[in-house]
Amino acid sequence: MEIWLYQRYAEWIVEALSCPVFEQKAFCPHDFSQYEAVIFGGGLYAGGINGIRFICRSLKRLPGKEILLFTCGLAAPDNPNNISNIRKSLEKAFSGKIPEQIRLFHLQGGIDYARLNVVHRSMMSMLRKMLLKKEEHSRSEEDRLILETYGQCLDFTNRESIRPLVEYAESVLSLR
């Protein structure tokens, strides 16, 4: 069985909150009228968030709901530059402004080059070549991490990192 790291986080969140989980293909916003909050998760890929178009379309059909959105990627979530880049990507996806009903959480995942499909492997190869052309002093911490670990399996998932999301979800649910 193959599991994406953001799915691992989703499973931990479901376990912590004792709530149901749905895959994107089974998601029908009309079925969510009974829920006070909806949690979406998506992996970060090449400056974008997996499933963001789906989230944008679904928001219109979830008025008044608290939306918790977590991203999962190789980038360290405690680095302000990484968070800024993720926010810029989200603002672009939401036509300039992240809706107020969305609360963001960023979790660190990882990468397993052996499991990447051809497209993702090619993208990472191109990224590596581009990073190698950058002068060493201008490379970010993330750039250096990608170059140093290229081709390896990295897993930075941490069950404790879901705590802020879980606590926020619990506070939202207890307020209603």
N, C-alpha and C. Protein backbone atom coordinates (compact mmCIF):
# COMPACT_ATOMS: atom_id res chain seq x y z
N MET A 1 0.85 -1.18 0.00
CA MET A 1 0.00 0.00 0.00
C MET A 1 0.89 1.24 0.00
N GLU A 2 0.57 2.19 -0.84
CA GLU A 2 1.33 3.44 -0.91
C GLU A 2 0.59 4.51 -0.13
N ILE A 3 1.33 5.27 0.65
CA ILE A 3 0.71 6.34 1.41
C ILE A 3 1.50 7.62 1.19
N TRP A 4 0.78 8.69 0.91
CA TRP A 4 1.39 10.00 0.78
C TRP A 4 1.50 10.58 2.17
N LEU A 5 2.52 11.38 2.41
CA LEU A 5 2.76 11.87 3.76
C LEU A 5 1.64 12.75 4.27
N TYR A 6 0.98 13.52 3.37
CA TYR A 6 -0.15 14.32 3.86
C TYR A 6 -1.30 13.41 4.25
N GLN A 7 -1.36 12.21 3.68
CA GLN A 7 -2.38 11.25 4.11
C GLN A 7 -2.07 10.72 5.51
N ARG A 8 -0.79 10.56 5.79
CA ARG A 8 -0.40 10.12 7.14
C ARG A 8 -0.86 11.17 8.15
N TYR A 9 -0.62 12.44 7.83
CA TYR A 9 -1.08 13.50 8.72
C TYR A 9 -2.61 13.47 8.84
N ALA A 10 -3.29 13.25 7.73
CA ALA A 10 -4.76 13.19 7.76
C ALA A 10 -5.23 12.08 8.70
N GLU A 11 -4.59 10.94 8.62
CA GLU A 11 -4.97 9.83 9.50
C GLU A 11 -4.74 10.17 10.97
N TRP A 12 -3.64 10.84 11.26
CA TRP A 12 -3.36 11.24 12.64
C TRP A 12 -4.40 12.25 13.13
N ILE A 13 -4.78 13.17 12.26
CA ILE A 13 -5.78 14.19 12.62
C ILE A 13 -7.13 13.53 12.89
N VAL A 14 -7.52 12.61 12.01
CA VAL A 14 -8.78 11.88 12.17
C VAL A 14 -8.79 11.13 13.50
N GLU A 15 -7.68 10.50 13.80
CA GLU A 15 -7.56 9.75 15.06
C GLU A 15 -7.67 10.69 16.27
N ALA A 16 -7.01 11.84 16.19
CA ALA A 16 -7.01 12.79 17.32
C ALA A 16 -8.39 13.41 17.53
N LEU A 17 -9.11 13.66 16.45
CA LEU A 17 -10.40 14.35 16.55
C LEU A 17 -11.60 13.40 16.51
N SER A 18 -11.35 12.12 16.26
CA SER A 18 -12.44 11.14 16.12
C SER A 18 -13.48 11.63 15.12
N CYS A 19 -13.00 12.00 13.96
CA CYS A 19 -13.90 12.50 12.92
C CYS A 19 -13.77 11.65 11.65
N PRO A 20 -14.76 11.72 10.77
CA PRO A 20 -14.68 10.94 9.53
C PRO A 20 -13.68 11.54 8.55
N VAL A 21 -13.21 10.73 7.64
CA VAL A 21 -12.30 11.19 6.59
C VAL A 21 -12.88 10.79 5.24
N PHE A 22 -12.70 11.66 4.26
CA PHE A 22 -13.20 11.41 2.91
C PHE A 22 -12.09 11.71 1.91
N GLU A 23 -12.00 10.89 0.88
CA GLU A 23 -11.07 11.19 -0.20
C GLU A 23 -11.73 12.23 -1.11
N GLN A 24 -10.90 12.94 -1.83
CA GLN A 24 -11.40 14.02 -2.69
C GLN A 24 -12.48 13.52 -3.65
N LYS A 25 -12.27 12.36 -4.25
CA LYS A 25 -13.25 11.87 -5.23
C LYS A 25 -14.60 11.54 -4.59
N ALA A 26 -14.62 11.32 -3.28
CA ALA A 26 -15.88 11.01 -2.59
C ALA A 26 -16.48 12.24 -1.92
N PHE A 27 -15.84 13.38 -2.08
CA PHE A 27 -16.29 14.60 -1.40
C PHE A 27 -17.41 15.27 -2.16
N CYS A 28 -18.52 15.46 -1.49
CA CYS A 28 -19.65 16.20 -2.05
C CYS A 28 -20.03 17.26 -1.02
N PRO A 29 -19.79 18.54 -1.32
CA PRO A 29 -20.05 19.59 -0.33
C PRO A 29 -21.44 19.56 0.29
N HIS A 30 -22.44 19.11 -0.46
CA HIS A 30 -23.80 19.07 0.07
C HIS A 30 -23.92 18.08 1.23
N ASP A 31 -23.06 17.07 1.24
CA ASP A 31 -23.08 16.08 2.31
C ASP A 31 -22.48 16.61 3.61
N PHE A 32 -21.91 17.81 3.57
CA PHE A 32 -21.19 18.32 4.71
C PHE A 32 -21.97 19.36 5.50
N SER A 33 -23.27 19.44 5.25
CA SER A 33 -24.08 20.42 5.97
C SER A 33 -24.13 20.13 7.47
N GLN A 34 -23.94 18.87 7.84
CA GLN A 34 -23.99 18.49 9.25
C GLN A 34 -22.71 18.80 10.01
N TYR A 35 -21.65 19.18 9.30
CA TYR A 35 -20.36 19.43 9.94
C TYR A 35 -20.12 20.92 10.12
N GLU A 36 -19.48 21.28 11.24
CA GLU A 36 -19.18 22.68 11.53
C GLU A 36 -17.87 23.12 10.89
N ALA A 37 -16.99 22.17 10.66
CA ALA A 37 -15.68 22.49 10.09
C ALA A 37 -15.28 21.40 9.11
N VAL A 38 -14.47 21.78 8.13
CA VAL A 38 -13.94 20.84 7.15
C VAL A 38 -12.43 21.05 7.10
N ILE A 39 -11.70 19.95 7.15
CA ILE A 39 -10.24 20.02 7.09
C ILE A 39 -9.79 19.47 5.74
N PHE A 40 -9.04 20.28 5.01
CA PHE A 40 -8.45 19.86 3.73
C PHE A 40 -6.94 19.75 3.92
N GLY A 41 -6.33 18.79 3.25
CA GLY A 41 -4.88 18.67 3.26
C GLY A 41 -4.37 18.48 1.85
N GLY A 42 -3.21 19.04 1.57
CA GLY A 42 -2.63 18.89 0.25
C GLY A 42 -1.11 19.01 0.28
N GLY A 43 -0.48 18.21 -0.56
CA GLY A 43 0.98 18.25 -0.67
C GLY A 43 1.44 19.44 -1.48
N LEU A 44 2.63 19.91 -1.17
CA LEU A 44 3.25 21.01 -1.91
C LEU A 44 4.08 20.41 -3.04
N TYR A 45 3.79 20.87 -4.26
CA TYR A 45 4.51 20.39 -5.43
C TYR A 45 4.85 21.57 -6.32
N ALA A 46 6.15 21.75 -6.57
CA ALA A 46 6.62 22.76 -7.54
C ALA A 46 5.94 24.11 -7.35
N GLY A 47 5.87 24.56 -6.12
CA GLY A 47 5.31 25.88 -5.86
C GLY A 47 3.80 25.92 -5.78
N GLY A 48 3.14 24.80 -5.96
CA GLY A 48 1.69 24.75 -5.88
C GLY A 48 1.24 23.76 -4.81
N ILE A 49 -0.06 23.74 -4.57
CA ILE A 49 -0.61 22.84 -3.56
C ILE A 49 -1.54 21.84 -4.25
N ASN A 50 -1.26 20.58 -4.07
CA ASN A 50 -2.06 19.53 -4.67
C ASN A 50 -3.51 19.65 -4.20
N GLY A 51 -4.43 19.74 -5.14
CA GLY A 51 -5.85 19.82 -4.82
C GLY A 51 -6.38 21.22 -4.59
N ILE A 52 -5.56 22.25 -4.81
CA ILE A 52 -6.00 23.61 -4.49
C ILE A 52 -7.18 24.05 -5.37
N ARG A 53 -7.23 23.65 -6.62
CA ARG A 53 -8.38 24.02 -7.47
C ARG A 53 -9.66 23.42 -6.91
N PHE A 54 -9.56 22.20 -6.48
CA PHE A 54 -10.72 21.52 -5.87
C PHE A 54 -11.18 22.28 -4.63
N ILE A 55 -10.24 22.70 -3.81
CA ILE A 55 -10.57 23.45 -2.59
C ILE A 55 -11.24 24.77 -2.96
N CYS A 56 -10.68 25.46 -3.94
CA CYS A 56 -11.27 26.75 -4.38
C CYS A 56 -12.72 26.56 -4.82
N ARG A 57 -12.98 25.52 -5.60
CA ARG A 57 -14.35 25.25 -6.08
C ARG A 57 -15.28 24.86 -4.93
N SER A 58 -14.77 24.11 -3.98
CA SER A 58 -15.60 23.63 -2.88
C SER A 58 -15.98 24.72 -1.90
N LEU A 59 -15.14 25.73 -1.74
CA LEU A 59 -15.41 26.80 -0.77
C LEU A 59 -16.74 27.48 -1.01
N LYS A 60 -17.07 27.71 -2.26
CA LYS A 60 -18.33 28.40 -2.59
C LYS A 60 -19.54 27.63 -2.08
N ARG A 61 -19.38 26.31 -1.95
CA ARG A 61 -20.49 25.47 -1.52
C ARG A 61 -20.42 25.11 -0.03
N LEU A 62 -19.53 25.80 0.69
CA LEU A 62 -19.40 25.56 2.13
C LEU A 62 -19.50 26.87 2.91
N PRO A 63 -20.54 27.65 2.64
CA PRO A 63 -20.64 28.94 3.33
C PRO A 63 -20.82 28.76 4.84
N GLY A 64 -20.15 29.61 5.59
CA GLY A 64 -20.28 29.58 7.04
C GLY A 64 -19.50 28.48 7.73
N LYS A 65 -18.82 27.66 6.98
CA LYS A 65 -18.04 26.58 7.58
C LYS A 65 -16.63 27.07 7.89
N GLU A 66 -16.09 26.58 8.99
CA GLU A 66 -14.67 26.79 9.28
C GLU A 66 -13.90 25.84 8.37
N ILE A 67 -12.91 26.37 7.67
CA ILE A 67 -12.09 25.55 6.79
C ILE A 67 -10.67 25.55 7.35
N LEU A 68 -10.16 24.39 7.66
CA LEU A 68 -8.78 24.24 8.11
C LEU A 68 -8.02 23.62 6.96
N LEU A 69 -6.99 24.28 6.50
CA LEU A 69 -6.21 23.81 5.36
C LEU A 69 -4.78 23.56 5.82
N PHE A 70 -4.33 22.31 5.65
CA PHE A 70 -2.93 22.06 5.97
C PHE A 70 -2.19 21.68 4.70
N THR A 71 -0.97 22.22 4.62
CA THR A 71 -0.08 21.89 3.52
C THR A 71 0.99 20.97 4.07
N CYS A 72 1.56 20.18 3.19
CA CYS A 72 2.59 19.24 3.60
C CYS A 72 3.65 19.21 2.51
N GLY A 73 4.87 19.51 2.88
CA GLY A 73 5.94 19.51 1.90
C GLY A 73 7.30 19.36 2.54
N LEU A 74 8.30 19.34 1.70
CA LEU A 74 9.67 19.20 2.16
C LEU A 74 10.14 20.43 2.92
N ALA A 75 9.59 21.58 2.57
CA ALA A 75 10.01 22.85 3.18
C ALA A 75 9.72 22.88 4.67
N ALA A 76 10.68 23.37 5.44
CA ALA A 76 10.52 23.47 6.89
C ALA A 76 9.47 24.54 7.23
N PRO A 77 8.44 24.18 7.99
CA PRO A 77 7.38 25.14 8.30
C PRO A 77 7.77 26.21 9.30
N ASP A 78 8.94 26.08 9.92
CA ASP A 78 9.37 27.11 10.86
C ASP A 78 10.24 28.18 10.20
N ASN A 79 10.41 28.07 8.88
CA ASN A 79 11.18 29.06 8.13
C ASN A 79 10.22 30.10 7.55
N PRO A 80 10.32 31.36 7.97
CA PRO A 80 9.40 32.40 7.49
C PRO A 80 9.37 32.55 5.97
N ASN A 81 10.50 32.33 5.30
CA ASN A 81 10.52 32.43 3.84
C ASN A 81 9.66 31.35 3.21
N ASN A 82 9.72 30.14 3.76
CA ASN A 82 8.89 29.05 3.24
C ASN A 82 7.41 29.37 3.41
N ILE A 83 7.03 29.86 4.58
CA ILE A 83 5.63 30.20 4.84
C ILE A 83 5.18 31.31 3.91
N SER A 84 6.03 32.28 3.69
CA SER A 84 5.71 33.38 2.78
C SER A 84 5.47 32.86 1.37
N ASN A 85 6.31 31.94 0.91
CA ASN A 85 6.14 31.37 -0.43
C ASN A 85 4.86 30.55 -0.54
N ILE A 86 4.53 29.81 0.50
CA ILE A 86 3.29 29.03 0.49
C ILE A 86 2.08 29.97 0.45
N ARG A 87 2.12 31.02 1.26
CA ARG A 87 1.01 32.00 1.27
C ARG A 87 0.86 32.67 -0.09
N LYS A 88 1.97 33.01 -0.74
CA LYS A 88 1.90 33.63 -2.07
C LYS A 88 1.24 32.69 -3.06
N SER A 89 1.58 31.42 -2.99
CA SER A 89 0.97 30.42 -3.87
C SER A 89 -0.53 30.33 -3.61
N LEU A 90 -0.92 30.34 -2.34
CA LEU A 90 -2.34 30.29 -1.99
C LEU A 90 -3.07 31.54 -2.44
N GLU A 91 -2.47 32.70 -2.23
CA GLU A 91 -3.10 33.95 -2.65
C GLU A 91 -3.33 33.96 -4.16
N LYS A 92 -2.37 33.44 -4.89
CA LYS A 92 -2.52 33.36 -6.35
C LYS A 92 -3.69 32.43 -6.71
N ALA A 93 -3.77 31.30 -6.03
CA ALA A 93 -4.85 30.34 -6.29
C ALA A 93 -6.21 30.92 -5.96
N PHE A 94 -6.27 31.76 -4.92
CA PHE A 94 -7.53 32.37 -4.50
C PHE A 94 -7.72 33.76 -5.09
N SER A 95 -7.09 34.02 -6.20
CA SER A 95 -7.23 35.30 -6.93
C SER A 95 -6.88 36.51 -6.07
N GLY A 96 -5.79 36.42 -5.34
CA GLY A 96 -5.28 37.58 -4.64
C GLY A 96 -5.43 37.61 -3.15
N LYS A 97 -6.41 36.90 -2.60
CA LYS A 97 -6.60 36.95 -1.14
C LYS A 97 -7.12 35.61 -0.63
N ILE A 98 -6.51 35.15 0.43
CA ILE A 98 -6.95 33.91 1.06
C ILE A 98 -8.24 34.21 1.82
N PRO A 99 -9.33 33.48 1.54
CA PRO A 99 -10.61 33.75 2.22
C PRO A 99 -10.48 33.69 3.74
N GLU A 100 -11.23 34.54 4.42
CA GLU A 100 -11.16 34.63 5.88
C GLU A 100 -11.60 33.35 6.57
N GLN A 101 -12.44 32.54 5.92
CA GLN A 101 -12.91 31.32 6.57
C GLN A 101 -11.83 30.23 6.61
N ILE A 102 -10.67 30.48 5.97
CA ILE A 102 -9.61 29.48 5.94
C ILE A 102 -8.56 29.77 7.00
N ARG A 103 -8.24 28.76 7.76
CA ARG A 103 -7.16 28.83 8.74
C ARG A 103 -6.06 27.89 8.23
N LEU A 104 -4.84 28.41 8.08
CA LEU A 104 -3.73 27.66 7.48
C LEU A 104 -2.83 27.00 8.52
N PHE A 105 -2.37 25.81 8.16
CA PHE A 105 -1.40 25.07 8.97
C PHE A 105 -0.39 24.46 8.00
N HIS A 106 0.87 24.48 8.37
CA HIS A 106 1.92 23.96 7.50
C HIS A 106 2.67 22.85 8.23
N LEU A 107 2.78 21.70 7.59
CA LEU A 107 3.41 20.53 8.17
C LEU A 107 4.54 20.07 7.26
N GLN A 108 5.61 19.57 7.85
CA GLN A 108 6.72 19.11 7.04
C GLN A 108 6.55 17.64 6.72
N GLY A 109 6.74 17.30 5.48
CA GLY A 109 6.59 15.93 5.02
C GLY A 109 7.92 15.31 4.68
N GLY A 110 8.12 15.04 3.42
CA GLY A 110 9.36 14.42 2.97
C GLY A 110 9.27 14.07 1.51
N ILE A 111 10.18 13.23 1.08
CA ILE A 111 10.20 12.82 -0.32
C ILE A 111 10.88 11.46 -0.42
N ASP A 112 10.39 10.63 -1.31
CA ASP A 112 11.00 9.34 -1.60
C ASP A 112 11.18 9.29 -3.11
N TYR A 113 12.39 9.58 -3.56
CA TYR A 113 12.66 9.66 -5.00
C TYR A 113 12.33 8.35 -5.72
N ALA A 114 12.50 7.22 -5.05
CA ALA A 114 12.23 5.93 -5.68
C ALA A 114 10.75 5.76 -6.03
N ARG A 115 9.88 6.47 -5.33
CA ARG A 115 8.44 6.34 -5.57
C ARG A 115 7.87 7.43 -6.46
N LEU A 116 8.69 8.39 -6.85
CA LEU A 116 8.19 9.47 -7.70
C LEU A 116 7.82 8.93 -9.08
N ASN A 117 6.75 9.47 -9.65
CA ASN A 117 6.42 9.09 -11.01
C ASN A 117 7.36 9.82 -11.96
N VAL A 118 7.29 9.51 -13.23
CA VAL A 118 8.21 10.07 -14.22
C VAL A 118 8.15 11.59 -14.25
N VAL A 119 6.96 12.15 -14.19
CA VAL A 119 6.80 13.61 -14.25
C VAL A 119 7.47 14.26 -13.04
N HIS A 120 7.17 13.77 -11.85
CA HIS A 120 7.75 14.36 -10.64
C HIS A 120 9.26 14.15 -10.58
N ARG A 121 9.72 12.99 -11.05
CA ARG A 121 11.16 12.73 -11.08
C ARG A 121 11.85 13.72 -12.02
N SER A 122 11.24 13.96 -13.17
CA SER A 122 11.80 14.92 -14.13
C SER A 122 11.81 16.33 -13.55
N MET A 123 10.73 16.69 -12.86
CA MET A 123 10.67 18.02 -12.23
C MET A 123 11.77 18.19 -11.20
N MET A 124 12.00 17.17 -10.39
CA MET A 124 13.04 17.25 -9.37
C MET A 124 14.43 17.30 -10.01
N SER A 125 14.60 16.59 -11.10
CA SER A 125 15.88 16.63 -11.81
C SER A 125 16.14 18.02 -12.37
N MET A 126 15.12 18.63 -12.96
CA MET A 126 15.27 19.99 -13.49
C MET A 126 15.53 20.98 -12.35
N LEU A 127 14.84 20.80 -11.23
CA LEU A 127 15.06 21.68 -10.09
C LEU A 127 16.50 21.55 -9.60
N ARG A 128 16.99 20.33 -9.52
CA ARG A 128 18.37 20.11 -9.08
C ARG A 128 19.35 20.81 -10.00
N LYS A 129 19.16 20.66 -11.31
CA LYS A 129 20.06 21.32 -12.27
C LYS A 129 20.01 22.84 -12.12
N MET A 130 18.82 23.37 -11.90
CA MET A 130 18.67 24.80 -11.71
C MET A 130 19.39 25.26 -10.42
N LEU A 131 19.25 24.47 -9.36
CA LEU A 131 19.89 24.82 -8.09
C LEU A 131 21.41 24.75 -8.17
N LEU A 132 21.91 23.79 -8.94
CA LEU A 132 23.36 23.67 -9.10
C LEU A 132 23.94 24.87 -9.82
N LYS A 133 23.14 25.52 -10.66
CA LYS A 133 23.60 26.71 -11.39
C LYS A 133 23.63 27.96 -10.50
N LYS A 134 22.87 27.93 -9.41
CA LYS A 134 22.87 29.07 -8.48
C LYS A 134 24.21 29.15 -7.76
N GLU A 135 24.64 30.36 -7.48
CA GLU A 135 25.85 30.51 -6.68
C GLU A 135 25.58 29.98 -5.28
N GLU A 136 26.58 29.34 -4.73
CA GLU A 136 26.40 28.67 -3.44
C GLU A 136 25.89 29.60 -2.34
N HIS A 137 26.38 30.82 -2.29
CA HIS A 137 25.97 31.74 -1.23
C HIS A 137 24.52 32.23 -1.39
N SER A 138 23.95 32.06 -2.57
CA SER A 138 22.58 32.52 -2.78
C SER A 138 21.54 31.39 -2.63
N ARG A 139 22.01 30.20 -2.31
CA ARG A 139 21.09 29.07 -2.11
C ARG A 139 20.43 29.16 -0.73
N SER A 140 19.14 28.88 -0.72
CA SER A 140 18.40 28.86 0.55
C SER A 140 18.70 27.56 1.30
N GLU A 141 18.24 27.51 2.53
CA GLU A 141 18.38 26.30 3.33
C GLU A 141 17.69 25.12 2.64
N GLU A 142 16.52 25.39 2.08
CA GLU A 142 15.78 24.35 1.36
C GLU A 142 16.53 23.91 0.11
N ASP A 143 17.12 24.86 -0.62
CA ASP A 143 17.92 24.54 -1.81
C ASP A 143 19.04 23.58 -1.43
N ARG A 144 19.76 23.90 -0.36
CA ARG A 144 20.88 23.06 0.08
C ARG A 144 20.39 21.67 0.49
N LEU A 145 19.26 21.62 1.16
CA LEU A 145 18.70 20.33 1.58
C LEU A 145 18.37 19.47 0.36
N ILE A 146 17.77 20.06 -0.64
CA ILE A 146 17.42 19.32 -1.86
C ILE A 146 18.68 18.77 -2.52
N LEU A 147 19.71 19.60 -2.63
CA LEU A 147 20.95 19.17 -3.28
C LEU A 147 21.68 18.09 -2.47
N GLU A 148 21.73 18.26 -1.17
CA GLU A 148 22.45 17.31 -0.30
C GLU A 148 21.77 15.95 -0.22
N THR A 149 20.48 15.93 -0.38
CA THR A 149 19.73 14.68 -0.18
C THR A 149 19.11 14.15 -1.46
N TYR A 150 19.47 14.73 -2.59
CA TYR A 150 18.86 14.33 -3.87
C TYR A 150 18.99 12.81 -4.06
N GLY A 151 17.88 12.18 -4.40
CA GLY A 151 17.85 10.75 -4.66
C GLY A 151 17.58 9.90 -3.43
N GLN A 152 17.57 10.50 -2.27
CA GLN A 152 17.37 9.75 -1.03
C GLN A 152 15.89 9.76 -0.61
N CYS A 153 15.62 8.99 0.41
CA CYS A 153 14.29 8.97 1.01
C CYS A 153 14.36 9.78 2.30
N LEU A 154 13.53 10.81 2.38
CA LEU A 154 13.49 11.67 3.57
C LEU A 154 12.08 11.67 4.14
N ASP A 155 11.98 11.60 5.45
CA ASP A 155 10.67 11.64 6.10
C ASP A 155 10.78 12.51 7.35
N PHE A 156 10.20 13.70 7.27
CA PHE A 156 10.22 14.64 8.39
C PHE A 156 8.87 14.69 9.11
N THR A 157 7.98 13.74 8.81
CA THR A 157 6.68 13.78 9.47
C THR A 157 6.86 13.64 10.97
N ASN A 158 5.98 14.33 11.70
CA ASN A 158 6.07 14.35 13.15
C ASN A 158 4.65 14.48 13.69
N ARG A 159 4.22 13.48 14.38
CA ARG A 159 2.85 13.46 14.89
C ARG A 159 2.55 14.68 15.77
N GLU A 160 3.51 15.15 16.52
CA GLU A 160 3.31 16.31 17.39
C GLU A 160 2.99 17.58 16.61
N SER A 161 3.41 17.65 15.36
CA SER A 161 3.22 18.88 14.59
C SER A 161 1.75 19.14 14.25
N ILE A 162 0.88 18.15 14.43
CA ILE A 162 -0.55 18.37 14.17
C ILE A 162 -1.24 19.05 15.35
N ARG A 163 -0.55 19.14 16.48
CA ARG A 163 -1.17 19.67 17.70
C ARG A 163 -1.85 21.02 17.50
N PRO A 164 -1.21 22.04 16.87
CA PRO A 164 -1.90 23.33 16.68
C PRO A 164 -3.20 23.20 15.88
N LEU A 165 -3.19 22.37 14.84
CA LEU A 165 -4.39 22.17 14.03
C LEU A 165 -5.48 21.50 14.87
N VAL A 166 -5.12 20.46 15.58
CA VAL A 166 -6.08 19.72 16.40
C VAL A 166 -6.66 20.63 17.48
N GLU A 167 -5.81 21.39 18.14
CA GLU A 167 -6.29 22.29 19.19
C GLU A 167 -7.21 23.36 18.63
N TYR A 168 -6.87 23.89 17.45
CA TYR A 168 -7.74 24.88 16.83
C TYR A 168 -9.09 24.26 16.47
N ALA A 169 -9.06 23.07 15.88
CA ALA A 169 -10.31 22.38 15.52
C ALA A 169 -11.17 22.14 16.76
N GLU A 170 -10.55 21.70 17.83
CA GLU A 170 -11.30 21.47 19.07
C GLU A 170 -11.90 22.76 19.61
N SER A 171 -11.16 23.86 19.49
CA SER A 171 -11.69 25.14 19.99
C SER A 171 -12.86 25.61 19.13
N VAL A 172 -12.79 25.41 17.84
CA VAL A 172 -13.88 25.79 16.93
C VAL A 172 -15.12 24.98 17.26
N LEU A 173 -14.94 23.70 17.46
CA LEU A 173 -16.08 22.82 17.73
C LEU A 173 -16.68 23.08 19.11
N SER A 174 -15.88 23.49 20.07
CA SER A 174 -16.43 23.74 21.41
C SER A 174 -17.13 25.09 21.49
N LEU A 175 -16.84 25.99 20.56
CA LEU A 175 -17.47 27.32 20.57
C LEU A 175 -18.88 27.29 20.00
N ARG A 176 -19.21 26.26 19.28
CA ARG A 176 -20.51 26.23 18.60
C ARG A 176 -21.52 25.40 19.34
